[in-house]
C-alpha atoms as a PDB file:
ATOM      1  CA  MET A   1      -6.601 -26.565 -68.180  1.00  0.00           C
ATOM      2  CA  PRO A   2      -6.378 -23.328 -70.151  1.00  0.00           C
ATOM      3  CA  ARG A   3      -9.101 -20.758 -69.661  1.00  0.00           C
ATOM      4  CA  LYS A   4     -11.549 -20.058 -72.441  1.00  0.00           C
ATOM      5  CA  GLY A   5      -9.792 -18.103 -75.186  1.00  0.00           C
ATOM      6  CA  GLN A   6      -6.303 -19.016 -73.927  1.00  0.00           C
ATOM      7  CA  ARG A   7      -4.036 -21.494 -75.617  1.00  0.00           C
ATOM      8  CA  ASN A   8      -1.862 -23.965 -73.817  1.00  0.00           C
ATOM      9  CA  ARG A   9       1.355 -22.213 -72.692  1.00  0.00           C
ATOM     10  CA  ARG A  10       3.528 -25.155 -73.758  1.00  0.00           C
ATOM     11  CA  ALA A  11       2.050 -25.028 -77.256  1.00  0.00           C
ATOM     12  CA  GLN A  12       2.805 -21.304 -77.410  1.00  0.00           C
ATOM     13  CA  VAL A  13       6.442 -21.843 -76.412  1.00  0.00           C
ATOM     14  CA  THR A  14       7.002 -24.445 -79.107  1.00  0.00           C
ATOM     15  CA  GLU A  15       5.401 -22.483 -81.934  1.00  0.00           C
ATOM     16  CA  PRO A  16       7.926 -21.765 -84.705  1.00  0.00           C
ATOM     17  CA  ARG A  17       7.639 -17.990 -84.333  1.00  0.00           C
ATOM     18  CA  ASN A  18       8.347 -18.188 -80.592  1.00  0.00           C
ATOM     19  CA  ILE A  19      11.285 -20.505 -81.134  1.00  0.00           C
ATOM     20  CA  GLN A  20      12.670 -18.093 -83.710  1.00  0.00           C
ATOM     21  CA  ALA A  21      12.171 -15.148 -81.301  1.00  0.00           C
ATOM     22  CA  ARG A  22      14.115 -16.983 -78.549  1.00  0.00           C
ATOM     23  CA  GLU A  23      16.904 -17.760 -81.030  1.00  0.00           C
ATOM     24  CA  ARG A  24      17.121 -14.082 -82.029  1.00  0.00           C
ATOM     25  CA  GLU A  25      17.199 -13.073 -78.350  1.00  0.00           C
ATOM     26  CA  ALA A  26      20.041 -15.542 -77.784  1.00  0.00           C
ATOM     27  CA  GLU A  27      21.904 -14.183 -80.817  1.00  0.00           C
ATOM     28  CA  ALA A  28      21.424 -10.598 -79.608  1.00  0.00           C
ATOM     29  CA  LEU A  29      22.702 -11.580 -76.171  1.00  0.00           C
ATOM     30  CA  GLU A  30      25.775 -13.301 -77.646  1.00  0.00           C
ATOM     31  CA  LEU A  31      26.566 -10.194 -79.685  1.00  0.00           C
ATOM     32  CA  ARG A  32      26.172  -8.017 -76.591  1.00  0.00           C
ATOM     33  CA  LYS A  33      28.453 -10.333 -74.582  1.00  0.00           C
ATOM     34  CA  ALA A  34      31.016  -9.973 -77.371  1.00  0.00           C
ATOM     35  CA  GLY A  35      30.935  -6.188 -76.869  1.00  0.00           C
ATOM     36  CA  ALA A  36      28.609  -5.111 -79.679  1.00  0.00           C
ATOM     37  CA  THR A  37      26.560  -1.958 -79.149  1.00  0.00           C
ATOM     38  CA  TYR A  38      22.786  -2.080 -79.513  1.00  0.00           C
ATOM     39  CA  ARG A  39      23.143  -0.201 -82.794  1.00  0.00           C
ATOM     40  CA  GLN A  40      25.589  -2.852 -84.072  1.00  0.00           C
ATOM     41  CA  ILE A  41      23.337  -5.676 -82.853  1.00  0.00           C
ATOM     42  CA  GLY A  42      20.386  -4.061 -84.590  1.00  0.00           C
ATOM     43  CA  ALA A  43      22.307  -3.714 -87.838  1.00  0.00           C
ATOM     44  CA  ARG A  44      23.402  -7.341 -87.687  1.00  0.00           C
ATOM     45  CA  LEU A  45      19.860  -8.599 -86.969  1.00  0.00           C
ATOM     46  CA  GLY A  46      18.117  -6.128 -89.273  1.00  0.00           C
ATOM     47  CA  ILE A  47      16.262  -4.359 -86.442  1.00  0.00           C
ATOM     48  CA  SER A  48      16.470  -1.005 -84.654  1.00  0.00           C
ATOM     49  CA  ALA A  49      18.818  -0.338 -81.735  1.00  0.00           C
ATOM     50  CA  GLN A  50      15.753  -0.127 -79.469  1.00  0.00           C
ATOM     51  CA  ALA A  51      14.534  -3.526 -80.657  1.00  0.00           C
ATOM     52  CA  ALA A  52      18.037  -4.934 -80.105  1.00  0.00           C
ATOM     53  CA  HIS A  53      17.983  -3.591 -76.563  1.00  0.00           C
ATOM     54  CA  LYS A  54      14.594  -5.222 -76.009  1.00  0.00           C
ATOM     55  CA  ARG A  55      15.864  -8.580 -77.335  1.00  0.00           C
ATOM     56  CA  VAL A  56      18.896  -8.503 -75.035  1.00  0.00           C
ATOM     57  CA  THR A  57      16.735  -7.489 -72.069  1.00  0.00           C
ATOM     58  CA  GLU A  58      14.263 -10.303 -72.775  1.00  0.00           C
ATOM     59  CA  ALA A  59      17.092 -12.829 -73.007  1.00  0.00           C
ATOM     60  CA  LEU A  60      18.514 -11.647 -69.689  1.00  0.00           C
ATOM     61  CA  ARG A  61      15.073 -11.737 -68.080  1.00  0.00           C
ATOM     62  CA  GLY A  62      14.657 -15.341 -69.220  1.00  0.00           C
ATOM     63  CA  ILE A  63      18.033 -16.264 -67.754  1.00  0.00           C
ATOM     64  CA  ALA A  64      17.146 -14.568 -64.462  1.00  0.00           C
ATOM     65  CA  GLU A  65      13.820 -16.410 -64.262  1.00  0.00           C
ATOM     66  CA  THR A  66      15.447 -19.759 -65.003  1.00  0.00           C
ATOM     67  CA  THR A  67      18.246 -19.107 -62.532  1.00  0.00           C
ATOM     68  CA  GLY A  68      15.765 -18.042 -59.856  1.00  0.00           C
ATOM     69  CA  GLU A  69      13.702 -21.198 -60.399  1.00  0.00           C
ATOM     70  CA  LYS A  70      16.805 -23.395 -60.236  1.00  0.00           C
ATOM     71  CA  ALA A  71      18.013 -21.642 -57.080  1.00  0.00           C
ATOM     72  CA  GLU A  72      14.622 -22.212 -55.443  1.00  0.00           C
ATOM     73  CA  GLU A  73      14.751 -25.908 -56.381  1.00  0.00           C
ATOM     74  CA  VAL A  74      18.210 -26.241 -54.820  1.00  0.00           C
ATOM     75  CA  ARG A  75      17.104 -24.325 -51.717  1.00  0.00           C
ATOM     76  CA  SER A  76      14.071 -26.601 -51.350  1.00  0.00           C
ATOM     77  CA  LEU A  77      16.218 -29.728 -51.737  1.00  0.00           C
ATOM     78  CA  GLU A  78      18.704 -28.457 -49.147  1.00  0.00           C
ATOM     79  CA  MET A  79      15.888 -27.641 -46.692  1.00  0.00           C
ATOM     80  CA  HIS A  80      14.485 -31.154 -47.159  1.00  0.00           C
ATOM     81  CA  ARG A  81      17.908 -32.667 -46.465  1.00  0.00           C
ATOM     82  CA  LEU A  82      18.338 -30.584 -43.313  1.00  0.00           C
ATOM     83  CA  ASP A  83      14.859 -31.542 -42.109  1.00  0.00           C
ATOM     84  CA  THR A  84      15.642 -35.234 -42.672  1.00  0.00           C
ATOM     85  CA  MET A  85      18.900 -34.962 -40.713  1.00  0.00           C
ATOM     86  CA  LEU A  86      17.180 -33.042 -37.925  1.00  0.00           C
ATOM     87  CA  LEU A  87      14.472 -35.684 -37.660  1.00  0.00           C
ATOM     88  CA  GLY A  88      17.114 -38.418 -37.366  1.00  0.00           C
ATOM     89  CA  LEU A  89      18.926 -36.635 -34.524  1.00  0.00           C
ATOM     90  CA  TRP A  90      15.985 -35.167 -32.643  1.00  0.00           C
ATOM     91  CA  SER A  91      15.190 -38.112 -30.329  1.00  0.00           C
ATOM     92  CA  LYS A  92      18.860 -38.460 -29.290  1.00  0.00           C
ATOM     93  CA  ALA A  93      19.119 -34.715 -28.651  1.00  0.00           C
ATOM     94  CA  ARG A  94      15.985 -34.818 -26.489  1.00  0.00           C
ATOM     95  CA  THR A  95      17.525 -37.491 -24.275  1.00  0.00           C
ATOM     96  CA  GLY A  96      20.557 -35.298 -23.630  1.00  0.00           C
ATOM     97  CA  ASP A  97      23.080 -36.757 -26.081  1.00  0.00           C
ATOM     98  CA  VAL A  98      25.549 -33.852 -26.191  1.00  0.00           C
ATOM     99  CA  ALA A  99      26.928 -34.727 -29.649  1.00  0.00           C
ATOM    100  CA  ALA A 100      23.377 -34.929 -31.062  1.00  0.00           C
ATOM    101  CA  ILE A 101      22.468 -31.616 -29.433  1.00  0.00           C
ATOM    102  CA  ASP A 102      25.530 -30.027 -31.028  1.00  0.00           C
ATOM    103  CA  ARG A 103      24.534 -31.343 -34.460  1.00  0.00           C
ATOM    104  CA  VAL A 104      20.911 -30.260 -34.020  1.00  0.00           C
ATOM    105  CA  VAL A 105      22.033 -26.735 -33.155  1.00  0.00           C
ATOM    106  CA  LYS A 106      24.264 -26.658 -36.250  1.00  0.00           C
ATOM    107  CA  ILE A 107      21.392 -27.852 -38.447  1.00  0.00           C
ATOM    108  CA  MET A 108      19.098 -25.229 -36.922  1.00  0.00           C
ATOM    109  CA  GLN A 109      21.716 -22.534 -37.567  1.00  0.00           C
ATOM    110  CA  ARG A 110      22.072 -23.622 -41.185  1.00  0.00           C
ATOM    111  CA  ARG A 111      18.288 -23.539 -41.645  1.00  0.00           C
ATOM    112  CA  ALA A 112      18.145 -20.066 -40.076  1.00  0.00           C
ATOM    113  CA  ASP A 113      20.912 -18.883 -42.431  1.00  0.00           C
ATOM    114  CA  MET A 114      19.113 -20.255 -45.487  1.00  0.00           C
ATOM    115  CA  LEU A 115      15.791 -18.731 -44.454  1.00  0.00           C
ATOM    116  CA  GLY A 116      17.324 -15.390 -43.428  1.00  0.00           C
ATOM    117  CA  ILE A 117      15.883 -15.685 -39.922  1.00  0.00           C
ATOM    118  CA  ASP A 118      18.968 -14.267 -38.222  1.00  0.00           C
ATOM    119  CA  ALA A 119      19.653 -11.626 -40.868  1.00  0.00           C
ATOM    120  CA  ALA A 120      20.586  -8.228 -39.508  1.00  0.00           C
ATOM    121  CA  SER A 121      17.859  -5.663 -39.678  1.00  0.00           C
ATOM    122  CA  LYS A 122      18.538  -2.168 -40.936  1.00  0.00           C
ATOM    123  CA  HIS A 123      17.866   0.752 -38.614  1.00  0.00           C
ATOM    124  CA  GLU A 124      17.959   4.292 -39.889  1.00  0.00           C
ATOM    125  CA  VAL A 125      18.172   7.312 -37.647  1.00  0.00           C
ATOM    126  CA  THR A 126      16.371  10.374 -38.898  1.00  0.00           C
ATOM    127  CA  GLY A 127      16.248  13.992 -37.858  1.00  0.00           C
ATOM    128  CA  LYS A 128      13.299  15.912 -36.443  1.00  0.00           C
ATOM    129  CA  ASP A 129      11.948  16.498 -39.948  1.00  0.00           C
ATOM    130  CA  GLY A 130      12.057  12.770 -40.794  1.00  0.00           C
ATOM    131  CA  ARG A 131      14.916  13.132 -43.278  1.00  0.00           C
ATOM    132  CA  SER A 132      18.310  11.492 -42.875  1.00  0.00           C
ATOM    133  CA  ILE A 133      20.786  13.248 -40.627  1.00  0.00           C
ATOM    134  CA  ARG A 134      23.821  14.866 -42.237  1.00  0.00           C
ATOM    135  CA  ILE A 135      27.053  14.562 -40.242  1.00  0.00           C
ATOM    136  CA  GLU A 136      27.630  18.335 -40.410  1.00  0.00           C
ATOM    137  CA  ASP A 137      24.189  18.998 -38.906  1.00  0.00           C
ATOM    138  CA  ALA A 138      24.817  16.462 -36.140  1.00  0.00           C
ATOM    139  CA  ARG A 139      28.168  18.107 -35.287  1.00  0.00           C
ATOM    140  CA  THR A 140      26.558  21.568 -35.155  1.00  0.00           C
ATOM    141  CA  GLU A 141      23.731  20.331 -32.931  1.00  0.00           C
ATOM    142  CA  LEU A 142      26.164  18.480 -30.667  1.00  0.00           C
ATOM    143  CA  ALA A 143      28.389  21.583 -30.341  1.00  0.00           C
ATOM    144  CA  GLY A 144      25.341  23.678 -29.387  1.00  0.00           C
ATOM    145  CA  THR A 145      24.236  21.136 -26.785  1.00  0.00           C
ATOM    146  CA  LEU A 146      27.765  20.960 -25.351  1.00  0.00           C
ATOM    147  CA  ALA A 147      27.937  24.782 -25.120  1.00  0.00           C
ATOM    148  CA  ARG A 148      24.573  24.902 -23.281  1.00  0.00           C
ATOM    149  CA  LEU A 149      25.653  22.177 -20.848  1.00  0.00           C
ATOM    150  CA  THR A 150      28.996  23.902 -20.207  1.00  0.00           C
ATOM    151  CA  ALA A 151      27.214  27.190 -19.511  1.00  0.00           C
ATOM    152  CA  ALA A 152      24.778  25.467 -17.165  1.00  0.00           C
ATOM    153  CA  ILE A 153      27.458  23.844 -15.016  1.00  0.00           C
ATOM    154  CA  THR A 154      29.983  26.712 -15.022  1.00  0.00           C
ATOM    155  CA  PRO A 155      29.452  28.950 -11.974  1.00  0.00           C
ATOM    156  CA  ALA A 156      28.774  32.595 -12.716  1.00  0.00           C
ATOM    157  CA  ARG A 157      31.860  34.816 -12.170  1.00  0.00           C
ATOM    158  CA  ASP A 158      31.705  37.729  -9.768  1.00  0.00           C
ATOM    159  CA  PRO A 159      33.096  40.683 -11.779  1.00  0.00           C
ATOM    160  CA  GLY A 160      34.648  42.217  -8.635  1.00  0.00           C
ATOM    161  CA  LYS A 161      36.460  39.015  -7.655  1.00  0.00           C
ATOM    162  CA  PRO A 162      39.873  38.296  -9.221  1.00  0.00           C
ATOM    163  CA  GLN A 163      40.266  35.091 -11.264  1.00  0.00           C
ATOM    164  CA  GLN A 164      42.311  32.297  -9.756  1.00  0.00           C
END
């Protein structure tokens, strides 16, 4: 139920002015897909280049929202299917049926892939100051460390003794 002062969203979507706005967004998007500049789109629609850009952006945003919703519906359906298959195999897998165990593991792997459970995590190494390390700085530091280690393990030469 809409809150006080708010109209029903469905009624707003179907209002003639909103329908016309969506049609103009679609037209702007079609022109952009055809290679028109925002200035050309604006001239064709009788609006500014900035308004043309806004119309195209709104059309793309609507597509992204719709696509995201559809993708979530498909993901949910696929998860339900996997859960149903898992439920059907679970009792056999628990009794040691090797083929059922194999299928259960494959279903679990697919679920983990879809949910991103096994996704690699990103690790970033930073320098002493917390900023990213540049390769040149790492080479310089490594060369200095190597020189100090070499000096520490090289025996001191006796100046009066000939080299061998």
